[in-house]
Amino acid sequence: MTASTPAFGVSQFRSERESDWKRLETLLDLVEKKSARRLTNEDLVELPRLYRSTLSALSIARDTSLDGSMITYLESLSTRAYFILYGCRDSFWRQIGSFFAQGWPAAIRGIWGETLLIAALFLGSGLAGYLLVLSDPAWFGAIVPSELANGRDMNASAETLRQSIYGAPERGGLEVFATMLFTHNSQISIMAFALGFAFGIPTFLLIASNGILLGAFYAAFIPKGLGFGFTGWLLIHGSTELFAIVLAGAAGLHIGRAVAFPGARSRLTAAGEAGRRGALVMIGVVIMLLAAGLLEGFARQLITDDTARFAIAASMFALWVCYFTLIGRRRNG
């Protein structure tokens, strides 16, 4: 008698509810294989009821340790129904449009505090690197790798440095140059974001090291009277590229801050929320780096007039600032 009781319980449980499960499965198949437009008004009313009924059955089955295959079936059915009822039904292009029109700029505005802090760190580190190398030129070699300097160091003549800013590009070299620099800056951005989980400390160090490196270059160009030209050469792409790196660092710091100071939330919950926002930021950062790579590999070498370089740099920076601050804001009323 004891052995037969569970079997009878399972059979009775199934027989009382199986018609609802089959009905729900039929409606889900209709939506998944054809279209939600095939549902009638009665089907649309019935679908949420069947979903709740299935969830209730699943809860009972779990609590009473009924047949394992039945639990698996109900879990699968409930999951399918959940995504039909509450999942995203927008088309791919509508999702892309939503990302640019709302998701990305809103995510950037959500980390504005971290963005300002990372930007201040980058600028402060750049000034420190400049003053350090200016006081002792031997520091240049310790800060800047020789392959990155490529002859643009403290011992370079003014003519050599000038040629690196205004000289004509070599034939066939622009594509390789653009690819190399895009890859390099993408790695910096990804690392600045990925290392943020360790309370943001590695992100601080990475951003500071890149600021110091840039300051070291300024120490080589400014004494030769080329600081203005070097800035135009840098900012034609840097107003986008450096902005992207700062945003990546800010996204990493945002996660680190959530892990270190979760507030009333659990540390895991806080990190998850910050991670989702940071992921939106990073998708946009890749787009910014792609644009910067094109400007860096092509426009920077083809456009040699300082005024034109600064005009492009200012226009790009204004474009990003206006986009991030104005687009996607909800209007009252």
Protein backbone atom coordinates (compact mmCIF):
# COMPACT_ATOMS: atom_id res chain seq x y z
CA MET A 1 0.00 0.00 0.00
CA THR A 2 2.79 2.39 0.87
CA ALA A 3 4.52 1.82 -2.47
CA SER A 4 1.36 2.46 -4.48
CA THR A 5 0.34 5.72 -2.78
CA PRO A 6 2.91 8.02 -4.46
CA ALA A 7 2.10 6.56 -7.89
CA PHE A 8 -1.61 7.18 -7.34
CA GLY A 9 -0.84 10.73 -6.16
CA VAL A 10 1.15 11.51 -9.31
CA SER A 11 -1.55 10.10 -11.58
CA GLN A 12 -4.31 12.05 -9.87
CA PHE A 13 -2.23 15.24 -9.85
CA ARG A 14 -1.53 14.89 -13.56
CA SER A 15 -5.10 14.00 -14.56
CA GLU A 16 -6.53 17.04 -12.76
CA ARG A 17 -4.21 19.52 -14.46
CA GLU A 18 -2.90 18.00 -17.67
CA SER A 19 -5.59 19.54 -19.87
CA ASP A 20 -4.40 23.03 -18.85
CA TRP A 21 -0.78 22.10 -19.58
CA LYS A 22 -1.62 20.78 -23.02
CA ARG A 23 -3.71 23.85 -23.77
CA LEU A 24 -0.86 26.14 -22.71
CA GLU A 25 1.60 24.14 -24.81
CA THR A 26 -0.67 24.49 -27.86
CA LEU A 27 -0.87 28.27 -27.46
CA LEU A 28 2.91 28.56 -27.01
CA ASP A 29 3.54 26.47 -30.12
CA LEU A 30 1.20 28.72 -32.07
CA VAL A 31 3.10 31.86 -31.01
CA GLU A 32 6.60 30.40 -31.44
CA LYS A 33 6.04 28.66 -34.79
CA LYS A 34 3.71 31.18 -36.39
CA SER A 35 2.80 34.52 -34.81
CA ALA A 36 1.17 36.03 -31.75
CA ARG A 37 -1.38 37.56 -34.13
CA ARG A 38 -2.86 34.08 -34.56
CA LEU A 39 -4.14 34.18 -30.99
CA THR A 40 -7.79 35.09 -30.51
CA ASN A 41 -9.04 37.45 -27.82
CA GLU A 42 -10.06 34.44 -25.75
CA ASP A 43 -6.56 32.97 -26.13
CA LEU A 44 -4.98 36.22 -24.96
CA VAL A 45 -7.12 36.20 -21.83
CA GLU A 46 -6.50 32.50 -21.20
CA LEU A 47 -2.73 32.56 -21.62
CA PRO A 48 -1.85 34.38 -18.34
CA ARG A 49 -4.30 32.17 -16.42
CA LEU A 50 -2.74 29.00 -17.80
CA TYR A 51 0.73 30.34 -17.00
CA ARG A 52 -0.21 31.02 -13.36
CA SER A 53 -1.86 27.63 -13.09
CA THR A 54 1.27 25.92 -14.41
CA LEU A 55 3.45 27.84 -11.95
CA SER A 56 1.19 26.73 -9.13
CA ALA A 57 1.42 23.11 -10.27
CA LEU A 58 5.21 23.39 -10.49
CA SER A 59 5.39 24.75 -6.96
CA ILE A 60 3.27 21.87 -5.61
CA ALA A 61 5.28 19.31 -7.55
CA ARG A 62 8.53 20.63 -6.11
CA ASP A 63 7.24 20.86 -2.55
CA THR A 64 5.85 17.30 -2.58
CA SER A 65 8.77 15.79 -4.52
CA LEU A 66 6.61 14.37 -7.27
CA ASP A 67 7.93 12.69 -10.41
CA GLY A 68 11.19 14.30 -11.60
CA SER A 69 10.28 14.17 -15.28
CA MET A 70 7.04 16.00 -14.53
CA ILE A 71 8.93 18.75 -12.70
CA THR A 72 11.31 19.13 -15.63
CA TYR A 73 8.39 19.34 -18.06
CA LEU A 74 6.62 21.98 -15.97
CA GLU A 75 9.80 24.02 -15.60
CA SER A 76 10.30 24.03 -19.37
CA LEU A 77 6.67 24.95 -20.00
CA SER A 78 6.77 27.77 -17.43
CA THR A 79 9.98 29.17 -18.91
CA ARG A 80 8.53 29.21 -22.41
CA ALA A 81 5.39 30.92 -21.20
CA TYR A 82 7.38 33.51 -19.25
CA PHE A 83 9.36 34.59 -22.31
CA ILE A 84 6.21 34.76 -24.41
CA LEU A 85 4.40 36.89 -21.83
CA TYR A 86 7.23 39.05 -20.48
CA GLY A 87 10.18 38.62 -22.83
CA CYS A 88 11.32 41.18 -25.37
CA ARG A 89 9.26 40.87 -28.56
CA ASP A 90 10.81 43.79 -30.38
CA SER A 91 12.58 43.25 -33.67
CA PHE A 92 16.36 43.35 -33.91
CA TRP A 93 16.34 46.78 -35.52
CA ARG A 94 13.94 48.15 -32.93
CA GLN A 95 16.29 46.96 -30.18
CA ILE A 96 19.22 48.64 -31.94
CA GLY A 97 17.25 51.85 -32.20
CA SER A 98 16.30 51.66 -28.52
CA PHE A 99 19.96 51.22 -27.57
CA PHE A 100 21.05 54.39 -29.39
CA ALA A 101 17.95 56.42 -28.56
CA GLN A 102 17.77 55.59 -24.87
CA GLY A 103 19.86 52.74 -23.46
CA TRP A 104 23.39 53.96 -24.14
CA PRO A 105 23.03 57.67 -23.25
CA ALA A 106 21.01 56.79 -20.14
CA ALA A 107 23.75 54.39 -19.01
CA ILE A 108 26.39 57.11 -19.52
CA ARG A 109 24.37 59.58 -17.44
CA GLY A 110 24.12 56.93 -14.74
CA ILE A 111 27.90 56.97 -14.25
CA TRP A 112 28.57 60.69 -14.60
CA GLY A 113 30.21 60.90 -11.16
CA GLU A 114 32.68 58.13 -11.96
CA THR A 115 33.31 59.70 -15.39
CA LEU A 116 34.32 63.03 -13.87
CA LEU A 117 36.57 61.28 -11.35
CA ILE A 118 38.33 59.18 -14.01
CA ALA A 119 38.75 62.24 -16.26
CA ALA A 120 40.31 64.19 -13.39
CA LEU A 121 42.61 61.26 -12.62
CA PHE A 122 43.69 61.03 -16.27
CA LEU A 123 44.41 64.77 -16.56
CA GLY A 124 46.19 64.88 -13.19
CA SER A 125 48.34 61.89 -14.11
CA GLY A 126 49.19 63.51 -17.43
CA LEU A 127 50.39 66.64 -15.66
CA ALA A 128 52.42 64.54 -13.22
CA GLY A 129 54.05 62.61 -16.08
CA TYR A 130 54.90 65.85 -17.89
CA LEU A 131 56.51 67.45 -14.84
CA LEU A 132 58.38 64.25 -13.92
CA VAL A 133 59.99 63.83 -17.34
CA LEU A 134 60.66 67.55 -17.65
CA SER A 135 62.58 67.49 -14.35
CA ASP A 136 64.54 64.38 -15.31
CA PRO A 137 64.47 63.32 -19.00
CA ALA A 138 65.75 59.86 -18.05
CA TRP A 139 62.22 59.05 -16.88
CA PHE A 140 60.96 59.13 -20.48
CA GLY A 141 62.57 55.82 -21.34
CA ALA A 142 61.20 54.24 -18.16
CA ILE A 143 57.66 55.39 -18.92
CA VAL A 144 57.36 55.06 -22.71
CA PRO A 145 58.24 51.76 -24.43
CA SER A 146 60.71 52.23 -27.30
CA GLU A 147 58.36 50.67 -29.85
CA LEU A 148 55.65 53.15 -28.90
CA ALA A 149 58.02 56.14 -28.90
CA ASN A 150 59.35 55.18 -32.35
CA GLY A 151 62.04 57.87 -32.25
CA ARG A 152 59.79 60.52 -30.69
CA ASP A 153 61.73 60.89 -27.47
CA MET A 154 63.67 63.49 -25.48
CA ASN A 155 66.68 63.19 -27.77
CA ALA A 156 64.73 63.69 -31.01
CA SER A 157 65.31 66.89 -32.93
CA ALA A 158 62.58 69.45 -33.46
CA GLU A 159 62.50 68.55 -37.16
CA THR A 160 62.02 64.85 -36.42
CA LEU A 161 59.15 65.60 -34.05
CA ARG A 162 57.62 68.06 -36.49
CA GLN A 163 57.77 65.45 -39.26
CA SER A 164 55.89 62.97 -37.06
CA ILE A 165 53.08 65.52 -36.68
CA TYR A 166 52.86 67.01 -40.15
CA GLY A 167 54.76 64.58 -42.38
CA ALA A 168 53.06 62.79 -45.27
CA PRO A 169 52.03 59.20 -44.44
CA GLU A 170 53.77 56.28 -46.07
CA ARG A 171 51.91 54.53 -48.89
CA GLY A 172 49.91 51.55 -47.66
CA GLY A 173 50.67 52.24 -44.02
CA LEU A 174 47.44 53.89 -42.91
CA GLU A 175 45.32 50.75 -42.77
CA VAL A 176 47.88 48.87 -40.67
CA PHE A 177 48.38 51.88 -38.41
CA ALA A 178 44.65 52.28 -37.83
CA THR A 179 44.21 48.59 -37.03
CA MET A 180 47.14 48.54 -34.59
CA LEU A 181 46.00 51.60 -32.66
CA PHE A 182 42.37 50.49 -32.59
CA THR A 183 43.45 47.13 -31.12
CA HIS A 184 45.74 48.79 -28.57
CA ASN A 185 43.13 51.24 -27.30
CA SER A 186 40.42 48.58 -27.26
CA GLN A 187 42.62 46.47 -24.98
CA ILE A 188 43.15 49.41 -22.63
CA SER A 189 39.42 50.11 -22.46
CA ILE A 190 38.45 46.48 -21.92
CA MET A 191 41.04 46.06 -19.17
CA ALA A 192 39.96 49.28 -17.45
CA PHE A 193 36.39 47.95 -17.40
CA ALA A 194 37.14 44.32 -16.59
CA LEU A 195 39.47 45.13 -13.68
CA GLY A 196 36.89 47.33 -11.99
CA PHE A 197 35.44 44.45 -9.94
CA ALA A 198 38.54 44.55 -7.67
CA PHE A 199 37.12 47.64 -5.92
CA GLY A 200 38.26 49.80 -8.87
CA ILE A 201 41.90 49.87 -7.75
CA PRO A 202 43.41 48.27 -10.92
CA THR A 203 41.26 50.61 -13.02
CA PHE A 204 42.73 53.62 -11.22
CA LEU A 205 46.25 52.34 -11.82
CA LEU A 206 45.67 51.62 -15.50
CA ILE A 207 44.11 55.02 -16.21
CA ALA A 208 46.87 56.78 -14.26
CA SER A 209 49.62 54.93 -16.14
CA ASN A 210 48.14 55.96 -19.49
CA GLY A 211 47.84 59.57 -18.34
CA ILE A 212 51.49 59.56 -17.25
CA LEU A 213 52.52 58.12 -20.62
CA LEU A 214 50.72 60.92 -22.46
CA GLY A 215 52.31 63.52 -20.19
CA ALA A 216 55.74 62.09 -20.98
CA PHE A 217 55.12 62.67 -24.70
CA TYR A 218 54.16 66.26 -24.01
CA ALA A 219 57.48 66.71 -22.22
CA ALA A 220 59.22 65.77 -25.48
CA PHE A 221 57.17 68.05 -27.75
CA ILE A 222 56.52 71.21 -25.70
CA PRO A 223 60.20 72.21 -25.20
CA LYS A 224 60.62 72.05 -29.00
CA GLY A 225 57.76 74.52 -29.48
CA LEU A 226 55.41 71.82 -30.81
CA GLY A 227 52.92 71.52 -27.97
CA PHE A 228 50.09 73.16 -29.94
CA GLY A 229 50.67 71.04 -33.02
CA PHE A 230 50.98 67.86 -30.98
CA THR A 231 47.67 68.60 -29.25
CA GLY A 232 45.90 69.04 -32.60
CA TRP A 233 47.51 65.85 -33.93
CA LEU A 234 46.33 64.02 -30.80
CA LEU A 235 42.84 65.44 -30.38
CA ILE A 236 41.62 64.92 -33.94
CA HIS A 237 41.01 61.37 -32.76
CA GLY A 238 41.65 61.76 -29.04
CA SER A 239 38.47 63.72 -28.33
CA THR A 240 36.68 60.46 -29.18
CA GLU A 241 39.30 57.88 -28.21
CA LEU A 242 40.35 59.34 -24.86
CA PHE A 243 36.68 59.99 -24.06
CA ALA A 244 35.98 56.29 -24.73
CA ILE A 245 38.85 55.18 -22.50
CA VAL A 246 37.61 57.46 -19.70
CA LEU A 247 34.10 56.01 -20.06
CA ALA A 248 35.47 52.46 -19.92
CA GLY A 249 37.38 53.31 -16.76
CA ALA A 250 34.27 54.93 -15.30
CA ALA A 251 32.21 51.82 -16.07
CA GLY A 252 34.82 49.67 -14.32
CA LEU A 253 34.91 52.01 -11.34
CA HIS A 254 31.11 51.94 -11.21
CA ILE A 255 31.23 48.18 -10.68
CA GLY A 256 34.04 48.48 -8.15
CA ARG A 257 32.10 51.06 -6.16
CA ALA A 258 29.02 48.84 -6.14
CA VAL A 259 31.07 45.90 -4.86
CA ALA A 260 32.79 47.99 -2.18
CA PHE A 261 29.72 49.96 -1.09
CA PRO A 262 26.56 47.97 -1.92
CA GLY A 263 24.40 49.93 0.53
CA ALA A 264 21.17 48.19 1.56
CA ARG A 265 21.47 45.70 -1.32
CA SER A 266 23.48 42.51 -1.24
CA ARG A 267 26.94 42.79 -2.74
CA LEU A 268 25.97 40.38 -5.52
CA THR A 269 22.81 42.32 -6.39
CA ALA A 270 24.64 45.64 -6.43
CA ALA A 271 27.40 44.24 -8.63
CA GLY A 272 24.83 42.75 -11.01
CA GLU A 273 22.98 46.05 -11.45
CA ALA A 274 26.23 47.96 -11.97
CA GLY A 275 27.45 45.28 -14.38
CA ARG A 276 24.38 45.60 -16.59
CA ARG A 277 24.79 49.36 -16.81
CA GLY A 278 28.52 48.99 -17.41
CA ALA A 279 27.89 46.50 -20.22
CA LEU A 280 25.70 49.05 -22.04
CA VAL A 281 28.45 51.63 -21.67
CA MET A 282 31.07 49.22 -23.04
CA ILE A 283 29.04 48.37 -26.14
CA GLY A 284 29.04 52.09 -26.93
CA VAL A 285 32.74 52.39 -26.08
CA VAL A 286 33.56 49.87 -28.81
CA ILE A 287 31.60 52.02 -31.30
CA MET A 288 33.49 55.13 -30.17
CA LEU A 289 36.82 53.34 -30.52
CA LEU A 290 35.92 52.25 -34.01
CA ALA A 291 35.21 55.88 -34.97
CA ALA A 292 38.43 56.96 -33.26
CA GLY A 293 40.39 54.29 -35.11
CA LEU A 294 39.21 55.68 -38.44
CA LEU A 295 40.09 59.23 -37.41
CA GLU A 296 43.42 58.11 -35.99
CA GLY A 297 44.54 56.09 -38.97
CA PHE A 298 43.23 58.30 -41.74
CA ALA A 299 42.07 61.83 -40.90
CA ARG A 300 44.94 62.53 -38.51
CA GLN A 301 47.57 61.81 -41.17
CA LEU A 302 45.69 63.22 -44.16
CA ILE A 303 44.65 66.49 -42.48
CA THR A 304 47.77 68.45 -41.50
CA ASP A 305 46.31 71.90 -40.86
CA ASP A 306 46.12 72.69 -37.15
CA THR A 307 42.90 74.70 -37.46
CA ALA A 308 41.13 71.86 -39.28
CA ARG A 309 42.38 69.33 -36.73
CA PHE A 310 41.10 71.36 -33.79
CA ALA A 311 37.79 71.99 -35.56
CA ILE A 312 37.23 68.27 -36.07
CA ALA A 313 38.28 67.52 -32.48
CA ALA A 314 35.94 70.16 -31.03
CA SER A 315 33.06 69.03 -33.24
CA MET A 316 33.44 65.39 -32.23
CA PHE A 317 33.67 66.24 -28.53
CA ALA A 318 30.61 68.52 -28.74
CA LEU A 319 28.72 65.78 -30.59
CA TRP A 320 29.41 63.20 -27.88
CA VAL A 321 28.63 65.57 -25.01
CA CYS A 322 25.32 66.70 -26.56
CA TYR A 323 24.36 63.13 -27.38
CA PHE A 324 25.06 61.80 -23.89
CA THR A 325 23.43 64.69 -22.05
CA LEU A 326 20.35 65.34 -24.21
CA ILE A 327 19.28 62.17 -26.01
CA GLY A 328 16.85 59.79 -24.35
CA ARG A 329 15.74 62.06 -21.52
CA ARG A 330 12.12 61.63 -20.46
CA ARG A 331 10.02 64.75 -20.81
CA ASN A 332 7.43 65.58 -18.20
CA GLY A 333 3.95 65.71 -19.57
